[in-house]
Amino acid sequence: MNVAVLAILVITWSIVFFYEQLTKPADNSQLFLYSSPAFWVVAAYLIYFAGTFFLFIYSQNKDLAKGSDAYIQYNLINGVFVLIKNILLSVAMFTKGPVENSMPSRYRKIT
């Protein structure tokens, strides 16, 4: 699959995900959209693919010979978007999801 097509599909899916979350929230116990890990994961990939999509289009017209100015700019911009994606995925890992009790109340120990 072409990188540009994949980026467009991920961007479209992310926008649809956010639209669905804003119009029909799946979980009423979460007051804010950004309190769920799914928000941060989708935001990370939306930002990453949006940035690298335009970077991919930019690189089609440039000579990316190693050591050239275009090569250095390409790697710098790509590195920034990878860093942003990794930071947002880290935030998603440390965000608590909704707490579900797996044990019925009669088996839980009350302290």
Protein backbone atom coordinates (compact mmCIF):
# COMPACT_ATOMS: atom_id res chain seq x y z
CA MET A 1 0.00 0.00 0.00
CA ASN A 2 1.28 3.44 -0.85
CA VAL A 3 2.42 5.60 2.09
CA ALA A 4 0.26 8.53 1.01
CA VAL A 5 -2.87 6.38 0.84
CA LEU A 6 -2.13 4.91 4.26
CA ALA A 7 -1.63 8.37 5.74
CA ILE A 8 -4.90 9.62 4.26
CA LEU A 9 -6.76 6.58 5.63
CA VAL A 10 -5.33 7.03 9.13
CA ILE A 11 -6.07 10.77 9.12
CA THR A 12 -9.64 10.11 7.98
CA TRP A 13 -10.14 7.37 10.57
CA SER A 14 -8.82 9.66 13.31
CA ILE A 15 -11.18 12.47 12.37
CA VAL A 16 -14.11 10.05 12.31
CA PHE A 17 -13.06 8.68 15.71
CA PHE A 18 -12.98 12.15 17.26
CA TYR A 19 -16.31 13.06 15.67
CA GLU A 20 -17.92 9.92 17.07
CA GLN A 21 -16.45 10.52 20.53
CA LEU A 22 -17.72 14.10 20.59
CA THR A 23 -21.23 13.35 19.33
CA LYS A 24 -21.88 9.99 21.01
CA PRO A 25 -19.52 9.26 23.90
CA ALA A 26 -19.22 5.52 24.55
CA ASP A 27 -18.58 5.86 28.27
CA ASN A 28 -20.58 8.33 30.36
CA SER A 29 -18.32 7.88 33.38
CA GLN A 30 -15.53 9.85 31.71
CA LEU A 31 -16.19 13.55 31.84
CA PHE A 32 -13.42 14.66 29.50
CA LEU A 33 -12.41 13.13 26.18
CA TYR A 34 -8.70 13.47 26.93
CA SER A 35 -8.99 11.34 30.08
CA SER A 36 -9.04 8.13 28.05
CA PRO A 37 -5.95 6.40 26.65
CA ALA A 38 -7.66 5.97 23.26
CA PHE A 39 -7.73 9.75 22.79
CA TRP A 40 -3.96 10.01 23.23
CA VAL A 41 -3.22 7.06 20.93
CA VAL A 42 -5.41 8.43 18.15
CA ALA A 43 -4.04 11.95 18.63
CA ALA A 44 -0.47 10.63 18.44
CA TYR A 45 -1.04 8.84 15.15
CA LEU A 46 -3.10 11.70 13.71
CA ILE A 47 -0.30 14.19 14.34
CA TYR A 48 2.39 11.77 13.16
CA PHE A 49 0.68 10.82 9.91
CA ALA A 50 -0.43 14.39 9.15
CA GLY A 51 3.12 15.64 9.57
CA THR A 52 4.81 12.84 7.69
CA PHE A 53 2.20 12.97 4.91
CA PHE A 54 3.19 16.51 4.04
CA LEU A 55 6.83 15.61 4.55
CA PHE A 56 6.41 12.73 2.09
CA ILE A 57 4.90 15.11 -0.47
CA TYR A 58 7.75 17.58 0.15
CA SER A 59 10.39 14.86 -0.35
CA GLN A 60 9.02 13.84 -3.75
CA ASN A 61 10.41 17.02 -5.32
CA LYS A 62 13.74 17.11 -3.48
CA ASP A 63 17.01 15.28 -3.93
CA LEU A 64 17.59 13.50 -0.63
CA ALA A 65 21.26 12.67 -1.10
CA LYS A 66 22.92 11.93 2.21
CA GLY A 67 24.44 15.08 3.68
CA SER A 68 22.42 17.53 1.59
CA ASP A 69 20.38 20.31 3.16
CA ALA A 70 17.11 18.67 2.12
CA TYR A 71 18.20 15.39 3.73
CA ILE A 72 19.03 17.15 7.00
CA GLN A 73 15.71 19.02 7.01
CA TYR A 74 13.82 15.81 6.20
CA ASN A 75 15.43 13.94 9.10
CA LEU A 76 14.90 16.85 11.49
CA ILE A 77 11.19 17.18 10.69
CA ASN A 78 10.66 13.43 10.75
CA GLY A 79 12.47 13.20 14.09
CA VAL A 80 10.28 15.90 15.61
CA PHE A 81 7.09 14.09 14.58
CA VAL A 82 8.40 10.76 15.85
CA LEU A 83 9.26 12.42 19.16
CA ILE A 84 5.79 13.98 19.45
CA LYS A 85 4.18 10.63 18.63
CA ASN A 86 6.25 8.83 21.27
CA ILE A 87 5.49 11.45 23.93
CA LEU A 88 1.75 11.20 23.27
CA LEU A 89 1.89 7.40 23.34
CA SER A 90 3.70 7.64 26.69
CA VAL A 91 0.93 9.88 28.00
CA ALA A 92 -1.58 7.25 26.85
CA MET A 93 0.27 4.55 28.76
CA PHE A 94 0.10 6.55 31.99
CA THR A 95 -3.52 7.62 31.59
CA LYS A 96 -5.91 5.51 33.59
CA GLY A 97 -8.82 4.01 31.74
CA PRO A 98 -12.20 3.39 33.33
CA VAL A 99 -11.97 1.15 36.40
CA GLU A 100 -14.02 -2.01 36.15
CA ASN A 101 -14.43 -4.37 39.07
CA SER A 102 -13.89 -7.89 37.86
CA MET A 103 -15.00 -9.53 41.12
CA PRO A 104 -18.59 -9.43 42.35
CA SER A 105 -19.04 -7.45 45.54
CA ARG A 106 -19.76 -10.53 47.67
CA TYR A 107 -16.22 -11.84 47.04
CA ARG A 108 -14.36 -8.59 47.63
CA LYS A 109 -12.60 -8.14 50.90
CA ILE A 110 -13.82 -5.08 52.76
CA THR A 111 -11.12 -3.36 54.79
